[in-house]
């Protein structure tokens, strides 16, 4: 499954601490398997958050990963706190 990294995602990821980057990498590795059975419990807290095909996954307690999923491709859009992601979604 192709995983595309957007410019905004790369900026967000570079601002994370090393432990947070490790958690993010772990979630990214689990995404393909979790998306094959999106309604099963994967521990990632996957949920659709926008009608345009935007999903969210939990990264630990404080961070969220926002990504698009369509036709077997994943585009990582943003990573940030709950409030940062909420602000991002208001602009969609």
N, C-alpha and C. Protein backbone atom coordinates (compact mmCIF):
# COMPACT_ATOMS: atom_id res chain seq x y z
N UNK A 1 0.85 -1.17 0.00
CA UNK A 1 0.00 0.00 0.00
C UNK A 1 0.90 1.24 0.00
N UNK A 2 0.77 2.10 -1.02
CA UNK A 2 1.58 3.31 -1.07
C UNK A 2 1.18 4.29 0.04
N UNK A 3 2.18 4.89 0.65
CA UNK A 3 1.96 5.91 1.68
C UNK A 3 2.66 7.17 1.22
N UNK A 4 1.89 8.21 0.99
CA UNK A 4 2.41 9.49 0.52
C UNK A 4 2.55 10.45 1.69
N UNK A 5 3.65 11.19 1.72
CA UNK A 5 3.90 12.15 2.79
C UNK A 5 3.75 13.56 2.23
N UNK A 6 2.82 14.33 2.78
CA UNK A 6 2.63 15.70 2.33
C UNK A 6 3.66 16.61 2.99
N UNK A 7 3.82 17.78 2.41
CA UNK A 7 4.75 18.77 2.95
C UNK A 7 4.37 19.17 4.38
N UNK A 8 3.07 19.39 4.61
CA UNK A 8 2.60 19.76 5.95
C UNK A 8 2.90 18.66 6.96
N UNK A 9 2.70 17.41 6.55
CA UNK A 9 2.99 16.29 7.44
C UNK A 9 4.47 16.28 7.81
N UNK A 10 5.35 16.45 6.82
CA UNK A 10 6.79 16.43 7.09
C UNK A 10 7.20 17.53 8.05
N UNK A 11 6.62 18.72 7.90
CA UNK A 11 6.91 19.83 8.82
C UNK A 11 6.45 19.47 10.24
N UNK A 12 5.23 18.94 10.33
CA UNK A 12 4.71 18.55 11.65
C UNK A 12 5.58 17.48 12.29
N UNK A 13 5.94 16.46 11.52
CA UNK A 13 6.72 15.34 12.05
C UNK A 13 8.10 15.79 12.50
N UNK A 14 8.71 16.71 11.78
CA UNK A 14 10.04 17.20 12.15
C UNK A 14 10.03 17.97 13.46
N UNK A 15 8.87 18.51 13.83
CA UNK A 15 8.79 19.29 15.08
C UNK A 15 8.55 18.41 16.31
N UNK A 16 8.34 17.12 16.11
CA UNK A 16 8.08 16.20 17.23
C UNK A 16 9.37 15.85 17.96
N UNK A 17 9.23 15.45 19.21
CA UNK A 17 10.37 14.95 19.97
C UNK A 17 10.74 13.55 19.46
N UNK A 18 11.90 13.07 19.81
CA UNK A 18 12.31 11.74 19.36
C UNK A 18 11.36 10.63 19.81
N UNK A 19 10.92 10.62 21.08
CA UNK A 19 9.94 9.58 21.48
C UNK A 19 8.64 9.67 20.68
N UNK A 20 8.17 10.90 20.41
CA UNK A 20 6.95 11.07 19.63
C UNK A 20 7.14 10.58 18.20
N UNK A 21 8.32 10.84 17.63
CA UNK A 21 8.61 10.35 16.28
C UNK A 21 8.59 8.83 16.25
N UNK A 22 9.09 8.20 17.30
CA UNK A 22 9.05 6.74 17.39
C UNK A 22 7.63 6.21 17.43
N UNK A 23 6.78 6.86 18.22
CA UNK A 23 5.37 6.46 18.29
C UNK A 23 4.69 6.66 16.94
N UNK A 24 4.97 7.77 16.27
CA UNK A 24 4.40 8.05 14.96
C UNK A 24 4.81 6.98 13.96
N UNK A 25 6.08 6.63 13.93
CA UNK A 25 6.58 5.61 13.01
C UNK A 25 5.88 4.28 13.24
N UNK A 26 5.68 3.93 14.51
CA UNK A 26 5.00 2.69 14.85
C UNK A 26 3.57 2.67 14.31
N UNK A 27 2.86 3.79 14.45
CA UNK A 27 1.48 3.88 13.95
C UNK A 27 1.46 3.78 12.42
N UNK A 28 2.40 4.45 11.75
CA UNK A 28 2.45 4.40 10.29
C UNK A 28 2.67 2.97 9.81
N UNK A 29 3.52 2.22 10.51
CA UNK A 29 3.76 0.83 10.13
C UNK A 29 2.52 -0.04 10.29
N UNK A 30 1.68 0.28 11.25
CA UNK A 30 0.47 -0.50 11.51
C UNK A 30 -0.71 -0.12 10.61
N UNK A 31 -0.64 1.04 9.95
CA UNK A 31 -1.77 1.52 9.17
C UNK A 31 -2.24 0.56 8.07
N UNK A 32 -1.36 0.02 7.23
CA UNK A 32 -1.86 -0.84 6.14
C UNK A 32 -2.71 -2.01 6.64
N UNK A 33 -2.24 -2.69 7.67
CA UNK A 33 -3.00 -3.83 8.20
C UNK A 33 -4.31 -3.36 8.83
N UNK A 34 -4.27 -2.25 9.54
CA UNK A 34 -5.48 -1.74 10.19
C UNK A 34 -6.51 -1.29 9.17
N UNK A 35 -6.07 -0.74 8.05
CA UNK A 35 -7.01 -0.25 7.04
C UNK A 35 -7.64 -1.38 6.25
N UNK A 36 -7.00 -2.53 6.20
CA UNK A 36 -7.61 -3.67 5.51
C UNK A 36 -8.86 -4.13 6.24
N UNK A 37 -8.87 -3.97 7.55
CA UNK A 37 -10.04 -4.32 8.37
C UNK A 37 -10.37 -3.13 9.24
N UNK A 38 -10.81 -2.06 8.59
CA UNK A 38 -10.97 -0.77 9.25
C UNK A 38 -11.96 -0.78 10.41
N UNK A 39 -12.92 -1.70 10.40
CA UNK A 39 -13.92 -1.72 11.47
C UNK A 39 -13.53 -2.63 12.63
N UNK A 40 -12.40 -3.32 12.51
CA UNK A 40 -11.97 -4.16 13.64
C UNK A 40 -11.16 -3.31 14.61
N UNK A 41 -11.01 -3.77 15.81
CA UNK A 41 -10.28 -3.04 16.83
C UNK A 41 -8.79 -3.21 16.60
N UNK A 42 -8.11 -2.15 16.20
CA UNK A 42 -6.67 -2.23 15.92
C UNK A 42 -5.84 -1.55 16.99
N UNK A 43 -6.48 -0.86 17.91
CA UNK A 43 -5.75 -0.15 18.94
C UNK A 43 -5.27 1.22 18.49
N UNK A 44 -5.54 1.58 17.23
CA UNK A 44 -5.10 2.87 16.71
C UNK A 44 -6.18 3.94 16.82
N UNK A 45 -7.37 3.54 17.19
CA UNK A 45 -8.46 4.50 17.30
C UNK A 45 -8.82 5.10 15.96
N UNK A 46 -8.77 4.31 14.91
CA UNK A 46 -9.09 4.81 13.57
C UNK A 46 -10.55 5.23 13.50
N UNK A 47 -10.76 6.40 12.90
CA UNK A 47 -12.13 6.83 12.66
C UNK A 47 -12.14 7.86 11.54
N UNK A 48 -13.20 7.84 10.78
CA UNK A 48 -13.39 8.82 9.71
C UNK A 48 -13.84 10.12 10.35
N UNK A 49 -13.15 11.22 10.01
CA UNK A 49 -13.47 12.49 10.66
C UNK A 49 -13.96 13.55 9.68
N UNK A 50 -13.96 13.23 8.39
CA UNK A 50 -14.45 14.19 7.40
C UNK A 50 -15.02 13.43 6.22
N UNK A 51 -16.06 13.97 5.64
CA UNK A 51 -16.75 13.28 4.54
C UNK A 51 -15.89 13.13 3.28
N UNK A 52 -14.80 13.87 3.20
CA UNK A 52 -13.94 13.80 2.02
C UNK A 52 -12.95 12.63 2.08
N UNK A 53 -13.12 11.72 3.03
CA UNK A 53 -12.22 10.57 3.14
C UNK A 53 -11.03 10.82 4.02
N UNK A 54 -11.17 11.71 4.98
CA UNK A 54 -10.10 12.02 5.93
C UNK A 54 -10.33 11.21 7.20
N UNK A 55 -9.26 10.56 7.66
CA UNK A 55 -9.31 9.70 8.84
C UNK A 55 -8.33 10.20 9.89
N UNK A 56 -8.51 9.70 11.09
CA UNK A 56 -7.65 10.04 12.22
C UNK A 56 -7.21 8.75 12.90
N UNK A 57 -5.96 8.74 13.37
CA UNK A 57 -5.44 7.65 14.19
C UNK A 57 -4.78 8.27 15.42
N UNK A 58 -4.90 7.60 16.54
CA UNK A 58 -4.27 8.07 17.78
C UNK A 58 -2.80 7.70 17.81
N UNK A 59 -2.00 8.64 18.32
CA UNK A 59 -0.59 8.39 18.58
C UNK A 59 -0.39 8.70 20.06
N UNK A 60 -0.45 7.70 20.87
CA UNK A 60 -0.34 7.92 22.31
C UNK A 60 -1.53 8.71 22.83
N UNK A 61 -1.33 9.42 23.93
CA UNK A 61 -2.43 10.14 24.55
C UNK A 61 -2.68 11.51 23.95
N UNK A 62 -1.63 12.18 23.49
CA UNK A 62 -1.80 13.58 23.10
C UNK A 62 -1.76 13.89 21.63
N UNK A 63 -1.34 12.97 20.79
CA UNK A 63 -1.18 13.27 19.37
C UNK A 63 -2.15 12.51 18.50
N UNK A 64 -2.46 13.10 17.35
CA UNK A 64 -3.33 12.49 16.36
C UNK A 64 -2.65 12.57 14.99
N UNK A 65 -2.86 11.55 14.18
CA UNK A 65 -2.39 11.52 12.80
C UNK A 65 -3.61 11.64 11.90
N UNK A 66 -3.58 12.59 10.97
CA UNK A 66 -4.67 12.79 10.03
C UNK A 66 -4.18 12.37 8.66
N UNK A 67 -4.99 11.54 7.99
CA UNK A 67 -4.59 11.02 6.69
C UNK A 67 -5.79 10.81 5.80
N UNK A 68 -5.53 10.82 4.52
CA UNK A 68 -6.55 10.50 3.54
C UNK A 68 -6.37 9.05 3.10
N UNK A 69 -7.46 8.38 2.83
CA UNK A 69 -7.41 6.98 2.39
C UNK A 69 -8.41 6.80 1.26
N UNK A 70 -7.87 6.47 0.08
CA UNK A 70 -8.74 6.31 -1.08
C UNK A 70 -8.05 5.40 -2.09
N UNK A 71 -8.79 4.44 -2.61
CA UNK A 71 -8.30 3.54 -3.65
C UNK A 71 -6.98 2.86 -3.28
N UNK A 72 -6.88 2.45 -2.02
CA UNK A 72 -5.70 1.73 -1.57
C UNK A 72 -4.47 2.57 -1.35
N UNK A 73 -4.61 3.89 -1.37
CA UNK A 73 -3.49 4.80 -1.13
C UNK A 73 -3.74 5.60 0.14
N UNK A 74 -2.66 5.84 0.86
CA UNK A 74 -2.73 6.63 2.09
C UNK A 74 -1.89 7.89 1.88
N UNK A 75 -2.47 9.04 2.19
CA UNK A 75 -1.73 10.31 2.14
C UNK A 75 -1.73 10.89 3.55
N UNK A 76 -0.56 10.98 4.16
CA UNK A 76 -0.44 11.52 5.50
C UNK A 76 -0.47 13.04 5.41
N UNK A 77 -1.46 13.65 6.07
CA UNK A 77 -1.67 15.10 5.95
C UNK A 77 -1.07 15.89 7.10
N UNK A 78 -1.40 15.51 8.31
CA UNK A 78 -0.97 16.29 9.48
C UNK A 78 -0.75 15.36 10.67
N UNK A 79 0.06 15.82 11.60
CA UNK A 79 0.20 15.18 12.90
C UNK A 79 0.28 16.31 13.93
N UNK A 80 -0.52 16.18 14.99
CA UNK A 80 -0.54 17.23 15.99
C UNK A 80 -1.46 16.88 17.15
N UNK A 81 -1.63 17.84 18.02
CA UNK A 81 -2.51 17.65 19.17
C UNK A 81 -3.96 17.68 18.69
N UNK A 82 -4.83 17.29 19.58
CA UNK A 82 -6.26 17.29 19.27
C UNK A 82 -6.72 18.67 18.81
N UNK A 83 -6.29 19.71 19.51
CA UNK A 83 -6.70 21.08 19.17
C UNK A 83 -6.13 21.52 17.83
N UNK A 84 -4.89 21.17 17.53
CA UNK A 84 -4.28 21.51 16.24
C UNK A 84 -5.03 20.84 15.09
N UNK A 85 -5.40 19.59 15.31
CA UNK A 85 -6.13 18.86 14.27
C UNK A 85 -7.53 19.45 14.09
N UNK A 86 -8.16 19.84 15.16
CA UNK A 86 -9.48 20.47 15.08
C UNK A 86 -9.41 21.75 14.24
N UNK A 87 -8.37 22.57 14.46
CA UNK A 87 -8.20 23.79 13.67
C UNK A 87 -7.97 23.46 12.19
N UNK A 88 -7.20 22.42 11.93
CA UNK A 88 -6.94 22.00 10.55
C UNK A 88 -8.25 21.58 9.85
N UNK A 89 -9.08 20.84 10.54
CA UNK A 89 -10.33 20.36 9.96
C UNK A 89 -11.30 21.49 9.66
N UNK A 90 -11.26 22.56 10.44
CA UNK A 90 -12.15 23.70 10.18
C UNK A 90 -11.82 24.36 8.85
N UNK A 91 -10.59 24.20 8.38
CA UNK A 91 -10.17 24.83 7.13
C UNK A 91 -10.38 23.94 5.91
N UNK A 92 -10.92 22.73 6.10
CA UNK A 92 -11.15 21.85 4.95
C UNK A 92 -12.41 22.25 4.21
